[in-house]
């Protein structure tokens, strides 16, 4: 049995549902093109199991393979609409220097923006 990180175990149910819906949409695109799972995996240079995990919406699936899937279907622009940058963030430039790095190179409370 493989280990799962705390981040995967603690995924919110809504996040899991969104991943499942994305997998269903990718599957629908594949079927509409008349491609098999094997053909998709070959096009994406991944294993069939890796591609199946994307269609199933597994949170451990590679985002790179998901992006490649969207690209194959001409849908990569849809990825650009995910989490748009707030206009205020465009003008802010933060630089972390060694002296203000928190203990163990973690971001300290003083460094948080939100």
N, C-alpha and C. Protein backbone atom coordinates (compact mmCIF):
# COMPACT_ATOMS: atom_id res chain seq x y z
N UNK A 1 0.84 -1.18 0.00
CA UNK A 1 0.00 0.00 0.00
C UNK A 1 0.89 1.24 0.00
N UNK A 2 0.55 2.21 -0.83
CA UNK A 2 1.37 3.42 -0.92
C UNK A 2 1.01 4.40 0.18
N UNK A 3 2.00 5.21 0.54
CA UNK A 3 1.78 6.24 1.55
C UNK A 3 1.10 7.43 0.90
N UNK A 4 0.23 8.09 1.67
CA UNK A 4 -0.38 9.33 1.20
C UNK A 4 0.04 10.45 2.12
N UNK A 5 0.28 11.61 1.53
CA UNK A 5 0.65 12.75 2.34
C UNK A 5 -0.57 13.28 3.09
N UNK A 6 -0.31 14.05 4.12
CA UNK A 6 -1.39 14.67 4.87
C UNK A 6 -2.24 15.57 4.00
N UNK A 7 -1.60 16.21 3.01
CA UNK A 7 -2.34 17.10 2.11
C UNK A 7 -3.37 16.32 1.29
N UNK A 8 -3.02 15.12 0.88
CA UNK A 8 -3.94 14.30 0.09
C UNK A 8 -5.04 13.76 0.99
N UNK A 9 -4.66 13.27 2.16
CA UNK A 9 -5.65 12.73 3.10
C UNK A 9 -6.64 13.80 3.54
N UNK A 10 -6.16 15.03 3.66
CA UNK A 10 -7.00 16.11 4.18
C UNK A 10 -7.71 16.91 3.10
N UNK A 11 -7.74 16.41 1.88
CA UNK A 11 -8.41 17.15 0.81
C UNK A 11 -9.89 17.34 1.12
N UNK A 12 -10.36 18.53 0.92
CA UNK A 12 -11.75 18.85 1.16
C UNK A 12 -12.63 18.09 0.16
N UNK A 13 -13.80 17.62 0.58
CA UNK A 13 -14.69 16.88 -0.32
C UNK A 13 -15.05 17.65 -1.59
N UNK A 14 -15.17 18.97 -1.50
CA UNK A 14 -15.47 19.77 -2.69
C UNK A 14 -14.31 19.74 -3.68
N UNK A 15 -13.09 19.73 -3.16
CA UNK A 15 -11.91 19.65 -4.03
C UNK A 15 -11.87 18.30 -4.73
N UNK A 16 -12.17 17.24 -3.99
CA UNK A 16 -12.22 15.90 -4.58
C UNK A 16 -13.28 15.83 -5.68
N UNK A 17 -14.43 16.42 -5.41
CA UNK A 17 -15.52 16.41 -6.38
C UNK A 17 -15.13 17.18 -7.65
N UNK A 18 -14.43 18.29 -7.48
CA UNK A 18 -13.99 19.07 -8.65
C UNK A 18 -13.01 18.27 -9.49
N UNK A 19 -12.10 17.55 -8.84
CA UNK A 19 -11.16 16.71 -9.58
C UNK A 19 -11.88 15.59 -10.33
N UNK A 20 -12.88 15.01 -9.69
CA UNK A 20 -13.66 13.97 -10.35
C UNK A 20 -14.38 14.52 -11.58
N UNK A 21 -14.94 15.72 -11.46
CA UNK A 21 -15.63 16.34 -12.60
C UNK A 21 -14.65 16.65 -13.73
N UNK A 22 -13.46 17.11 -13.38
CA UNK A 22 -12.44 17.37 -14.40
C UNK A 22 -12.10 16.06 -15.12
N UNK A 23 -11.92 15.00 -14.36
CA UNK A 23 -11.64 13.69 -14.96
C UNK A 23 -12.75 13.24 -15.88
N UNK A 24 -13.99 13.48 -15.48
CA UNK A 24 -15.13 13.11 -16.32
C UNK A 24 -15.16 13.91 -17.62
N UNK A 25 -14.81 15.19 -17.52
CA UNK A 25 -14.78 16.03 -18.73
C UNK A 25 -13.66 15.59 -19.67
N UNK A 26 -12.51 15.25 -19.10
CA UNK A 26 -11.40 14.76 -19.93
C UNK A 26 -11.79 13.44 -20.59
N UNK A 27 -12.44 12.56 -19.84
CA UNK A 27 -12.90 11.27 -20.38
C UNK A 27 -13.89 11.50 -21.53
N UNK A 28 -14.83 12.43 -21.33
CA UNK A 28 -15.82 12.72 -22.37
C UNK A 28 -15.14 13.23 -23.65
N UNK A 29 -14.11 14.07 -23.48
CA UNK A 29 -13.37 14.57 -24.65
C UNK A 29 -12.68 13.42 -25.37
N UNK A 30 -12.08 12.51 -24.60
CA UNK A 30 -11.39 11.36 -25.20
C UNK A 30 -12.37 10.51 -26.00
N UNK A 31 -13.51 10.23 -25.42
CA UNK A 31 -14.52 9.40 -26.09
C UNK A 31 -15.05 10.11 -27.34
N UNK A 32 -15.26 11.42 -27.24
CA UNK A 32 -15.74 12.18 -28.39
C UNK A 32 -14.75 12.13 -29.56
N UNK A 33 -13.47 12.03 -29.24
CA UNK A 33 -12.44 11.91 -30.27
C UNK A 33 -12.29 10.48 -30.78
N UNK A 34 -12.93 9.54 -30.09
CA UNK A 34 -12.85 8.14 -30.50
C UNK A 34 -11.55 7.46 -30.11
N UNK A 35 -10.87 7.99 -29.08
CA UNK A 35 -9.58 7.44 -28.65
C UNK A 35 -9.77 6.49 -27.48
N UNK A 36 -8.96 5.46 -27.43
CA UNK A 36 -8.98 4.53 -26.30
C UNK A 36 -8.06 5.06 -25.21
N UNK A 37 -8.15 4.45 -24.05
CA UNK A 37 -7.25 4.82 -22.95
C UNK A 37 -5.81 4.56 -23.36
N UNK A 38 -5.59 3.44 -24.03
CA UNK A 38 -4.24 3.10 -24.48
C UNK A 38 -3.70 4.17 -25.43
N UNK A 39 -4.52 4.61 -26.37
CA UNK A 39 -4.09 5.65 -27.32
C UNK A 39 -3.79 6.96 -26.60
N UNK A 40 -4.62 7.32 -25.63
CA UNK A 40 -4.37 8.55 -24.87
C UNK A 40 -3.06 8.46 -24.10
N UNK A 41 -2.85 7.34 -23.43
CA UNK A 41 -1.62 7.16 -22.66
C UNK A 41 -0.40 7.25 -23.57
N UNK A 42 -0.49 6.68 -24.76
CA UNK A 42 0.62 6.76 -25.72
C UNK A 42 0.86 8.20 -26.16
N UNK A 43 -0.21 8.92 -26.42
CA UNK A 43 -0.08 10.33 -26.84
C UNK A 43 0.53 11.19 -25.73
N UNK A 44 0.22 10.84 -24.48
CA UNK A 44 0.69 11.63 -23.35
C UNK A 44 2.02 11.11 -22.77
N UNK A 45 2.54 10.04 -23.33
CA UNK A 45 3.79 9.43 -22.85
C UNK A 45 3.69 9.04 -21.38
N UNK A 46 2.56 8.47 -21.00
CA UNK A 46 2.38 8.00 -19.64
C UNK A 46 1.80 6.59 -19.67
N UNK A 47 1.73 5.96 -18.53
CA UNK A 47 1.14 4.62 -18.47
C UNK A 47 -0.39 4.73 -18.54
N UNK A 48 -1.00 3.62 -18.88
CA UNK A 48 -2.46 3.59 -18.90
C UNK A 48 -3.02 3.82 -17.50
N UNK A 49 -2.34 3.30 -16.48
CA UNK A 49 -2.80 3.51 -15.10
C UNK A 49 -2.74 4.98 -14.71
N UNK A 50 -1.68 5.67 -15.14
CA UNK A 50 -1.58 7.11 -14.85
C UNK A 50 -2.72 7.85 -15.52
N UNK A 51 -3.00 7.51 -16.78
CA UNK A 51 -4.09 8.19 -17.46
C UNK A 51 -5.44 7.86 -16.82
N UNK A 52 -5.63 6.61 -16.43
CA UNK A 52 -6.88 6.23 -15.76
C UNK A 52 -7.07 7.04 -14.48
N UNK A 53 -5.98 7.28 -13.75
CA UNK A 53 -6.10 8.04 -12.50
C UNK A 53 -6.56 9.47 -12.77
N UNK A 54 -6.21 10.01 -13.93
CA UNK A 54 -6.69 11.35 -14.30
C UNK A 54 -8.18 11.32 -14.58
N UNK A 55 -8.61 10.34 -15.35
CA UNK A 55 -10.05 10.23 -15.65
C UNK A 55 -10.87 9.95 -14.39
N UNK A 56 -10.27 9.30 -13.41
CA UNK A 56 -10.98 9.00 -12.16
C UNK A 56 -10.95 10.19 -11.20
N UNK A 57 -10.15 11.20 -11.52
CA UNK A 57 -10.07 12.38 -10.68
C UNK A 57 -9.28 12.15 -9.41
N UNK A 58 -8.34 11.23 -9.44
CA UNK A 58 -7.53 10.97 -8.25
C UNK A 58 -6.64 12.16 -7.95
N UNK A 59 -6.58 12.59 -6.70
CA UNK A 59 -5.78 13.77 -6.36
C UNK A 59 -4.28 13.56 -6.50
N UNK A 60 -3.84 12.33 -6.66
CA UNK A 60 -2.41 12.07 -6.82
C UNK A 60 -1.98 12.11 -8.28
N UNK A 61 -2.93 12.33 -9.19
CA UNK A 61 -2.61 12.37 -10.62
C UNK A 61 -1.74 13.59 -10.92
N UNK A 62 -0.88 13.43 -11.89
CA UNK A 62 0.05 14.49 -12.27
C UNK A 62 -0.67 15.65 -12.95
N UNK A 63 -0.43 16.85 -12.45
CA UNK A 63 -1.04 18.02 -13.08
C UNK A 63 -0.44 18.25 -14.46
N UNK A 64 0.80 17.83 -14.66
CA UNK A 64 1.42 17.96 -15.97
C UNK A 64 0.72 17.10 -17.01
N UNK A 65 0.35 15.88 -16.63
CA UNK A 65 -0.36 15.01 -17.56
C UNK A 65 -1.77 15.56 -17.80
N UNK A 66 -2.38 16.11 -16.76
CA UNK A 66 -3.70 16.73 -16.95
C UNK A 66 -3.61 17.88 -17.93
N UNK A 67 -2.58 18.72 -17.77
CA UNK A 67 -2.40 19.86 -18.68
C UNK A 67 -2.16 19.37 -20.11
N UNK A 68 -1.38 18.32 -20.26
CA UNK A 68 -1.15 17.76 -21.59
C UNK A 68 -2.43 17.22 -22.19
N UNK A 69 -3.27 16.62 -21.36
CA UNK A 69 -4.57 16.13 -21.84
C UNK A 69 -5.41 17.28 -22.36
N UNK A 70 -5.46 18.36 -21.60
CA UNK A 70 -6.23 19.52 -22.03
C UNK A 70 -5.67 20.09 -23.33
N UNK A 71 -4.35 20.09 -23.45
CA UNK A 71 -3.72 20.59 -24.67
C UNK A 71 -4.12 19.74 -25.87
N UNK A 72 -4.11 18.42 -25.71
CA UNK A 72 -4.49 17.53 -26.81
C UNK A 72 -5.89 17.83 -27.34
N UNK A 73 -6.78 18.24 -26.44
CA UNK A 73 -8.16 18.51 -26.82
C UNK A 73 -8.40 19.98 -27.18
N UNK A 74 -7.33 20.77 -27.22
CA UNK A 74 -7.47 22.19 -27.53
C UNK A 74 -8.14 22.96 -26.42
N UNK A 75 -8.01 22.48 -25.20
CA UNK A 75 -8.68 23.09 -24.04
C UNK A 75 -7.69 23.70 -23.03
N UNK A 76 -6.44 23.84 -23.41
CA UNK A 76 -5.44 24.32 -22.45
C UNK A 76 -5.76 25.71 -21.93
N UNK A 77 -6.39 26.55 -22.75
CA UNK A 77 -6.75 27.89 -22.30
C UNK A 77 -7.66 27.86 -21.08
N UNK A 78 -8.43 26.79 -20.93
CA UNK A 78 -9.32 26.69 -19.77
C UNK A 78 -8.52 26.63 -18.47
N UNK A 79 -7.30 26.13 -18.53
CA UNK A 79 -6.45 26.07 -17.35
C UNK A 79 -6.02 27.47 -16.91
N UNK A 80 -5.93 28.39 -17.86
CA UNK A 80 -5.53 29.76 -17.55
C UNK A 80 -6.59 30.53 -16.77
N UNK A 81 -7.81 30.02 -16.73
CA UNK A 81 -8.87 30.71 -15.99
C UNK A 81 -8.93 30.26 -14.53
N UNK A 82 -8.12 29.26 -14.18
CA UNK A 82 -8.11 28.75 -12.80
C UNK A 82 -7.34 29.72 -11.91
N UNK A 83 -7.94 30.11 -10.82
CA UNK A 83 -7.33 30.99 -9.82
C UNK A 83 -6.66 32.21 -10.44
N UNK A 84 -7.46 33.10 -11.03
CA UNK A 84 -6.88 34.30 -11.63
C UNK A 84 -6.16 35.15 -10.59
N UNK A 85 -5.15 35.85 -11.04
CA UNK A 85 -4.35 36.69 -10.14
C UNK A 85 -5.15 37.95 -9.82
N UNK A 86 -5.33 38.24 -8.53
CA UNK A 86 -6.01 39.49 -8.17
C UNK A 86 -5.19 40.69 -8.66
N UNK A 87 -5.86 41.70 -9.12
CA UNK A 87 -5.18 42.88 -9.68
C UNK A 87 -4.20 43.50 -8.69
N UNK A 88 -4.54 43.44 -7.39
CA UNK A 88 -3.65 44.02 -6.38
C UNK A 88 -2.32 43.28 -6.33
N UNK A 89 -2.33 42.00 -6.62
CA UNK A 89 -1.11 41.19 -6.52
C UNK A 89 -0.14 41.48 -7.66
N UNK A 90 -0.63 42.04 -8.73
CA UNK A 90 0.24 42.31 -9.87
C UNK A 90 1.26 43.38 -9.53
N UNK A 91 0.88 44.31 -8.67
CA UNK A 91 1.78 45.42 -8.35
C UNK A 91 2.70 45.14 -7.17
N UNK A 92 2.46 44.04 -6.45
CA UNK A 92 3.27 43.71 -5.28
C UNK A 92 4.43 42.83 -5.70
N UNK A 93 5.61 43.17 -5.22
CA UNK A 93 6.77 42.34 -5.49
C UNK A 93 7.40 41.99 -4.15
N UNK A 94 7.43 40.69 -3.85
CA UNK A 94 8.02 40.23 -2.60
C UNK A 94 9.30 39.48 -2.90
N UNK A 95 10.28 39.74 -2.09
CA UNK A 95 11.53 39.02 -2.22
C UNK A 95 11.90 38.51 -0.84
N UNK A 96 12.13 37.21 -0.75
CA UNK A 96 12.58 36.64 0.52
C UNK A 96 14.10 36.64 0.53
N UNK A 97 14.63 37.18 1.57
CA UNK A 97 16.08 37.15 1.73
C UNK A 97 16.43 36.19 2.85
N UNK A 98 17.66 35.80 2.90
CA UNK A 98 18.09 34.85 3.92
C UNK A 98 17.82 35.35 5.33
N UNK A 99 18.01 36.64 5.55
CA UNK A 99 17.86 37.15 6.92
C UNK A 99 16.41 37.11 7.40
N UNK A 100 15.41 37.17 6.50
CA UNK A 100 14.04 37.14 6.97
C UNK A 100 13.36 35.79 6.77
N UNK A 101 14.15 34.77 6.48
CA UNK A 101 13.57 33.43 6.39
C UNK A 101 13.31 32.93 7.80
N UNK A 102 12.15 32.34 7.97
CA UNK A 102 11.78 31.82 9.28
C UNK A 102 12.58 30.58 9.63
N UNK A 103 12.30 30.07 10.81
CA UNK A 103 12.99 28.89 11.30
C UNK A 103 12.74 27.71 10.35
N UNK A 104 13.79 27.01 9.98
CA UNK A 104 13.66 25.86 9.10
C UNK A 104 13.22 26.24 7.69
N UNK A 105 13.47 27.48 7.29
CA UNK A 105 13.13 27.99 5.96
C UNK A 105 11.63 27.97 5.70
N UNK A 106 10.82 28.02 6.74
CA UNK A 106 9.38 28.13 6.59
C UNK A 106 9.01 29.60 6.53
N UNK A 107 7.92 29.90 5.90
CA UNK A 107 7.46 31.29 5.86
C UNK A 107 6.97 31.67 7.25
N UNK A 108 7.51 32.73 7.77
CA UNK A 108 7.12 33.17 9.12
C UNK A 108 5.80 33.93 9.06
N UNK A 109 5.17 34.09 10.22
CA UNK A 109 3.90 34.84 10.29
C UNK A 109 4.08 36.26 9.76
N UNK A 110 5.25 36.86 10.00
CA UNK A 110 5.50 38.22 9.58
C UNK A 110 5.56 38.33 8.04
N UNK A 111 5.86 37.23 7.37
CA UNK A 111 5.98 37.24 5.92
C UNK A 111 4.67 36.99 5.18
N UNK A 112 3.64 36.60 5.91
CA UNK A 112 2.37 36.29 5.26
C UNK A 112 1.73 37.55 4.72
N UNK A 113 1.12 37.45 3.56
CA UNK A 113 0.43 38.57 2.94
C UNK A 113 -1.03 38.62 3.35
N UNK A 114 -1.62 37.48 3.57
CA UNK A 114 -3.07 37.43 3.81
C UNK A 114 -3.38 37.28 5.29
